[in-house]
PDB file of N, CA and C in Angstrom:
ATOM      1  N   MET A   1       0.849  -1.163   0.004  1.00  0.00           N
ATOM      2  CA  MET A   1      -0.005   0.000  -0.005  1.00  0.00           C
ATOM      3  C   MET A   1       0.891   1.231   0.004  1.00  0.00           C
ATOM      4  N   GLY A   2       0.604   2.150  -0.873  1.00  0.00           N
ATOM      5  CA  GLY A   2       1.404   3.381  -0.966  1.00  0.00           C
ATOM      6  C   GLY A   2       1.025   4.359   0.131  1.00  0.00           C
ATOM      7  N   ARG A   3       1.865   5.355   0.250  1.00  0.00           N
ATOM      8  CA  ARG A   3       1.626   6.349   1.291  1.00  0.00           C
ATOM      9  C   ARG A   3       0.295   7.083   1.104  1.00  0.00           C
ATOM     10  N   ILE A   4      -0.054   7.389  -0.137  1.00  0.00           N
ATOM     11  CA  ILE A   4      -1.291   8.112  -0.413  1.00  0.00           C
ATOM     12  C   ILE A   4      -2.501   7.285   0.003  1.00  0.00           C
ATOM     13  N   GLN A   5      -2.462   5.984  -0.282  1.00  0.00           N
ATOM     14  CA  GLN A   5      -3.557   5.116   0.102  1.00  0.00           C
ATOM     15  C   GLN A   5      -3.669   5.025   1.633  1.00  0.00           C
ATOM     16  N   VAL A   6      -2.523   4.978   2.300  1.00  0.00           N
ATOM     17  CA  VAL A   6      -2.539   4.889   3.765  1.00  0.00           C
ATOM     18  C   VAL A   6      -3.164   6.153   4.360  1.00  0.00           C
ATOM     19  N   VAL A   7      -2.806   7.306   3.803  1.00  0.00           N
ATOM     20  CA  VAL A   7      -3.345   8.577   4.286  1.00  0.00           C
ATOM     21  C   VAL A   7      -4.836   8.635   4.003  1.00  0.00           C
ATOM     22  N   ARG A   8      -5.268   8.210   2.830  1.00  0.00           N
ATOM     23  CA  ARG A   8      -6.703   8.201   2.510  1.00  0.00           C
ATOM     24  C   ARG A   8      -7.478   7.281   3.450  1.00  0.00           C
ATOM     25  N   GLN A   9      -6.930   6.106   3.711  1.00  0.00           N
ATOM     26  CA  GLN A   9      -7.579   5.162   4.623  1.00  0.00           C
ATOM     27  C   GLN A   9      -7.687   5.771   6.049  1.00  0.00           C
ATOM     28  N   PHE A  10      -6.620   6.420   6.483  1.00  0.00           N
ATOM     29  CA  PHE A  10      -6.642   7.058   7.795  1.00  0.00           C
ATOM     30  C   PHE A  10      -7.720   8.124   7.855  1.00  0.00           C
ATOM     31  N   LEU A  11      -7.812   8.976   6.836  1.00  0.00           N
ATOM     32  CA  LEU A  11      -8.790  10.036   6.811  1.00  0.00           C
ATOM     33  C   LEU A  11     -10.221   9.477   6.786  1.00  0.00           C
ATOM     34  N   ARG A  12     -10.441   8.387   6.038  1.00  0.00           N
ATOM     35  CA  ARG A  12     -11.768   7.771   6.032  1.00  0.00           C
ATOM     36  C   ARG A  12     -12.145   7.268   7.432  1.00  0.00           C
ATOM     37  N   GLU A  13     -11.198   6.590   8.074  1.00  0.00           N
ATOM     38  CA  GLU A  13     -11.448   6.067   9.404  1.00  0.00           C
ATOM     39  C   GLU A  13     -11.667   7.182  10.424  1.00  0.00           C
ATOM     40  N   ALA A  14     -10.888   8.258  10.279  1.00  0.00           N
ATOM     41  CA  ALA A  14     -11.043   9.384  11.186  1.00  0.00           C
ATOM     42  C   ALA A  14     -12.431  10.020  11.022  1.00  0.00           C
ATOM     43  N   ARG A  15     -12.892  10.150   9.783  1.00  0.00           N
ATOM     44  CA  ARG A  15     -14.234  10.703   9.532  1.00  0.00           C
ATOM     45  C   ARG A  15     -15.315   9.845  10.176  1.00  0.00           C
ATOM     46  N   VAL A  16     -15.172   8.515  10.038  1.00  0.00           N
ATOM     47  CA  VAL A  16     -16.151   7.603  10.654  1.00  0.00           C
ATOM     48  C   VAL A  16     -16.169   7.767  12.175  1.00  0.00           C
ATOM     49  N   GLU A  17     -14.993   7.866  12.763  1.00  0.00           N
ATOM     50  CA  GLU A  17     -14.916   8.005  14.223  1.00  0.00           C
ATOM     51  C   GLU A  17     -15.468   9.353  14.667  1.00  0.00           C
ATOM     52  N   LEU A  18     -15.217  10.421  13.911  1.00  0.00           N
ATOM     53  CA  LEU A  18     -15.741  11.733  14.288  1.00  0.00           C
ATOM     54  C   LEU A  18     -17.259  11.786  14.236  1.00  0.00           C
ATOM     55  N   LYS A  19     -17.873  10.963  13.411  1.00  0.00           N
ATOM     56  CA  LYS A  19     -19.340  10.915  13.355  1.00  0.00           C
ATOM     57  C   LYS A  19     -19.910  10.293  14.617  1.00  0.00           C
ATOM     58  N   LYS A  20     -19.104   9.503  15.339  1.00  0.00           N
ATOM     59  CA  LYS A  20     -19.554   8.868  16.578  1.00  0.00           C
ATOM     60  C   LYS A  20     -19.455   9.794  17.790  1.00  0.00           C
ATOM     61  N   VAL A  21     -18.767  10.908  17.654  1.00  0.00           N
ATOM     62  CA  VAL A  21     -18.526  11.814  18.777  1.00  0.00           C
ATOM     63  C   VAL A  21     -19.808  12.541  19.145  1.00  0.00           C
ATOM     64  N   THR A  22     -20.067  12.633  20.429  1.00  0.00           N
ATOM     65  CA  THR A  22     -21.168  13.442  20.926  1.00  0.00           C
ATOM     66  C   THR A  22     -20.596  14.820  21.224  1.00  0.00           C
ATOM     67  N   TRP A  23     -20.890  15.771  20.390  1.00  0.00           N
ATOM     68  CA  TRP A  23     -20.337  17.131  20.543  1.00  0.00           C
ATOM     69  C   TRP A  23     -21.138  17.895  21.571  1.00  0.00           C
ATOM     70  N   PRO A  24     -20.458  18.718  22.398  1.00  0.00           N
ATOM     71  CA  PRO A  24     -21.187  19.509  23.370  1.00  0.00           C
ATOM     72  C   PRO A  24     -21.996  20.626  22.699  1.00  0.00           C
ATOM     73  N   SER A  25     -23.043  21.025  23.358  1.00  0.00           N
ATOM     74  CA  SER A  25     -23.821  22.145  22.837  1.00  0.00           C
ATOM     75  C   SER A  25     -23.011  23.433  23.016  1.00  0.00           C
ATOM     76  N   LYS A  26     -23.475  24.474  22.376  1.00  0.00           N
ATOM     77  CA  LYS A  26     -22.767  25.767  22.504  1.00  0.00           C
ATOM     78  C   LYS A  26     -22.811  26.233  23.958  1.00  0.00           C
ATOM     79  N   ARG A  27     -23.942  26.038  24.599  1.00  0.00           N
ATOM     80  CA  ARG A  27     -24.083  26.434  26.020  1.00  0.00           C
ATOM     81  C   ARG A  27     -23.097  25.659  26.901  1.00  0.00           C
ATOM     82  N   ASP A  28     -22.971  24.332  26.664  1.00  0.00           N
ATOM     83  CA  ASP A  28     -22.044  23.519  27.462  1.00  0.00           C
ATOM     84  C   ASP A  28     -20.602  23.939  27.227  1.00  0.00           C
ATOM     85  N   ALA A  29     -20.261  24.244  25.985  1.00  0.00           N
ATOM     86  CA  ALA A  29     -18.911  24.653  25.651  1.00  0.00           C
ATOM     87  C   ALA A  29     -18.554  25.972  26.324  1.00  0.00           C
ATOM     88  N   ILE A  30     -19.494  26.914  26.311  1.00  0.00           N
ATOM     89  CA  ILE A  30     -19.258  28.210  26.948  1.00  0.00           C
ATOM     90  C   ILE A  30     -19.142  28.032  28.466  1.00  0.00           C
ATOM     91  N   ALA A  31     -19.980  27.217  29.050  1.00  0.00           N
ATOM     92  CA  ALA A  31     -19.949  26.999  30.489  1.00  0.00           C
ATOM     93  C   ALA A  31     -18.604  26.348  30.882  1.00  0.00           C
ATOM     94  N   GLY A  32     -18.148  25.397  30.125  1.00  0.00           N
ATOM     95  CA  GLY A  32     -16.856  24.760  30.406  1.00  0.00           C
ATOM     96  C   GLY A  32     -15.712  25.747  30.291  1.00  0.00           C
ATOM     97  N   THR A  33     -15.792  26.612  29.290  1.00  0.00           N
ATOM     98  CA  THR A  33     -14.741  27.614  29.089  1.00  0.00           C
ATOM     99  C   THR A  33     -14.710  28.592  30.253  1.00  0.00           C
ATOM    100  N   VAL A  34     -15.879  28.994  30.737  1.00  0.00           N
ATOM    101  CA  VAL A  34     -15.944  29.917  31.862  1.00  0.00           C
ATOM    102  C   VAL A  34     -15.357  29.266  33.118  1.00  0.00           C
ATOM    103  N   VAL A  35     -15.651  28.024  33.349  1.00  0.00           N
ATOM    104  CA  VAL A  35     -15.110  27.314  34.506  1.00  0.00           C
ATOM    105  C   VAL A  35     -13.587  27.249  34.418  1.00  0.00           C
ATOM    106  N   VAL A  36     -13.066  26.940  33.248  1.00  0.00           N
ATOM    107  CA  VAL A  36     -11.613  26.880  33.091  1.00  0.00           C
ATOM    108  C   VAL A  36     -10.967  28.249  33.321  1.00  0.00           C
ATOM    109  N   LEU A  37     -11.537  29.292  32.747  1.00  0.00           N
ATOM    110  CA  LEU A  37     -10.994  30.640  32.917  1.00  0.00           C
ATOM    111  C   LEU A  37     -11.007  31.086  34.372  1.00  0.00           C
ATOM    112  N   ILE A  38     -12.094  30.828  35.079  1.00  0.00           N
ATOM    113  CA  ILE A  38     -12.171  31.186  36.507  1.00  0.00           C
ATOM    114  C   ILE A  38     -11.112  30.422  37.293  1.00  0.00           C
ATOM    115  N   THR A  39     -10.966  29.129  37.008  1.00  0.00           N
ATOM    116  CA  THR A  39      -9.968  28.318  37.703  1.00  0.00           C
ATOM    117  C   THR A  39      -8.550  28.851  37.439  1.00  0.00           C
ATOM    118  N   VAL A  40      -8.268  29.204  36.199  1.00  0.00           N
ATOM    119  CA  VAL A  40      -6.957  29.731  35.850  1.00  0.00           C
ATOM    120  C   VAL A  40      -6.687  31.035  36.595  1.00  0.00           C
ATOM    121  N   PHE A  41      -7.675  31.921  36.651  1.00  0.00           N
ATOM    122  CA  PHE A  41      -7.486  33.205  37.338  1.00  0.00           C
ATOM    123  C   PHE A  41      -7.294  32.991  38.851  1.00  0.00           C
ATOM    124  N   ILE A  42      -8.031  32.078  39.440  1.00  0.00           N
ATOM    125  CA  ILE A  42      -7.874  31.797  40.870  1.00  0.00           C
ATOM    126  C   ILE A  42      -6.476  31.241  41.142  1.00  0.00           C
ATOM    127  N   CYS A  43      -6.023  30.309  40.331  1.00  0.00           N
ATOM    128  CA  CYS A  43      -4.682  29.737  40.501  1.00  0.00           C
ATOM    129  C   CYS A  43      -3.601  30.810  40.303  1.00  0.00           C
ATOM    130  N   ALA A  44      -3.751  31.646  39.288  1.00  0.00           N
ATOM    131  CA  ALA A  44      -2.781  32.711  39.032  1.00  0.00           C
ATOM    132  C   ALA A  44      -2.744  33.690  40.202  1.00  0.00           C
ATOM    133  N   PHE A  45      -3.888  34.054  40.731  1.00  0.00           N
ATOM    134  CA  PHE A  45      -3.947  34.957  41.885  1.00  0.00           C
ATOM    135  C   PHE A  45      -3.246  34.326  43.100  1.00  0.00           C
ATOM    136  N   PHE A  46      -3.550  33.074  43.371  1.00  0.00           N
ATOM    137  CA  PHE A  46      -2.925  32.378  44.497  1.00  0.00           C
ATOM    138  C   PHE A  46      -1.426  32.294  44.330  1.00  0.00           C
ATOM    139  N   LEU A  47      -0.966  31.897  43.144  1.00  0.00           N
ATOM    140  CA  LEU A  47       0.481  31.794  42.917  1.00  0.00           C
ATOM    141  C   LEU A  47       1.154  33.154  42.964  1.00  0.00           C
ATOM    142  N   GLY A  48       0.460  34.196  42.518  1.00  0.00           N
ATOM    143  CA  GLY A  48       1.006  35.558  42.623  1.00  0.00           C
ATOM    144  C   GLY A  48       1.211  35.954  44.074  1.00  0.00           C
ATOM    145  N   ILE A  49       0.236  35.655  44.929  1.00  0.00           N
ATOM    146  CA  ILE A  49       0.372  35.961  46.347  1.00  0.00           C
ATOM    147  C   ILE A  49       1.513  35.176  46.977  1.00  0.00           C
ATOM    148  N   VAL A  50       1.575  33.896  46.684  1.00  0.00           N
ATOM    149  CA  VAL A  50       2.664  33.054  47.207  1.00  0.00           C
ATOM    150  C   VAL A  50       4.017  33.590  46.752  1.00  0.00           C
ATOM    151  N   ASP A  51       4.121  33.938  45.479  1.00  0.00           N
ATOM    152  CA  ASP A  51       5.379  34.456  44.938  1.00  0.00           C
ATOM    153  C   ASP A  51       5.766  35.760  45.655  1.00  0.00           C
ATOM    154  N   PHE A  52       4.791  36.635  45.857  1.00  0.00           N
ATOM    155  CA  PHE A  52       5.043  37.916  46.523  1.00  0.00           C
ATOM    156  C   PHE A  52       5.607  37.689  47.911  1.00  0.00           C
ATOM    157  N   TRP A  53       4.938  36.830  48.694  1.00  0.00           N
ATOM    158  CA  TRP A  53       5.391  36.602  50.081  1.00  0.00           C
ATOM    159  C   TRP A  53       6.697  35.844  50.136  1.00  0.00           C
ATOM    160  N   LEU A  54       6.914  34.915  49.242  1.00  0.00           N
ATOM    161  CA  LEU A  54       8.196  34.219  49.239  1.00  0.00           C
ATOM    162  C   LEU A  54       9.331  35.145  48.854  1.00  0.00           C
ATOM    163  N   SER A  55       9.101  36.051  47.924  1.00  0.00           N
ATOM    164  CA  SER A  55      10.147  36.992  47.566  1.00  0.00           C
ATOM    165  C   SER A  55      10.466  37.936  48.722  1.00  0.00           C
ATOM    166  N   LYS A  56       9.420  38.358  49.457  1.00  0.00           N
ATOM    167  CA  LYS A  56       9.631  39.168  50.679  1.00  0.00           C
ATOM    168  C   LYS A  56      10.452  38.379  51.706  1.00  0.00           C
ATOM    169  N   LEU A  57      10.130  37.133  51.899  1.00  0.00           N
ATOM    170  CA  LEU A  57      10.841  36.272  52.849  1.00  0.00           C
ATOM    171  C   LEU A  57      12.309  36.117  52.452  1.00  0.00           C
ATOM    172  N   ILE A  58      12.568  35.893  51.173  1.00  0.00           N
ATOM    173  CA  ILE A  58      13.934  35.737  50.697  1.00  0.00           C
ATOM    174  C   ILE A  58      14.720  37.033  50.913  1.00  0.00           C
ATOM    175  N   LYS A  59      14.115  38.171  50.669  1.00  0.00           N
ATOM    176  CA  LYS A  59      14.769  39.466  50.885  1.00  0.00           C
ATOM    177  C   LYS A  59      15.113  39.660  52.368  1.00  0.00           C
ATOM    178  N   VAL A  60      14.203  39.231  53.270  1.00  0.00           N
ATOM    179  CA  VAL A  60      14.473  39.353  54.696  1.00  0.00           C
ATOM    180  C   VAL A  60      15.618  38.420  55.089  1.00  0.00           C
ATOM    181  N   ILE A  61      15.612  37.212  54.572  1.00  0.00           N
ATOM    182  CA  ILE A  61      16.645  36.230  54.941  1.00  0.00           C
ATOM    183  C   ILE A  61      18.013  36.670  54.380  1.00  0.00           C
ATOM    184  N   LEU A  62      18.056  37.134  53.164  1.00  0.00           N
ATOM    185  CA  LEU A  62      19.335  37.473  52.538  1.00  0.00           C
ATOM    186  C   LEU A  62      19.790  38.915  52.877  1.00  0.00           C
ATOM    187  N   GLY A  63      18.880  39.702  53.363  1.00  0.00           N
ATOM    188  CA  GLY A  63      19.411  40.894  53.718  1.00  0.00           C
ATOM    189  C   GLY A  63      19.046  42.236  53.791  1.00  0.00           C
TER     190      GLY A  63
END
């Protein structure tokens, strides 16, 4: 089997598998995105606070 046939076969199989996927609704996708963004901002805020205090601590220890 040549490379072109292998690629065509792969694309056919991928298309068949993609038809089996249950895609989220627009509302579900937006809700999931909002949850991820909120989580990222909370983690960034927490890490920023930790970084700030650790840098203050290092400055006190070193001098």
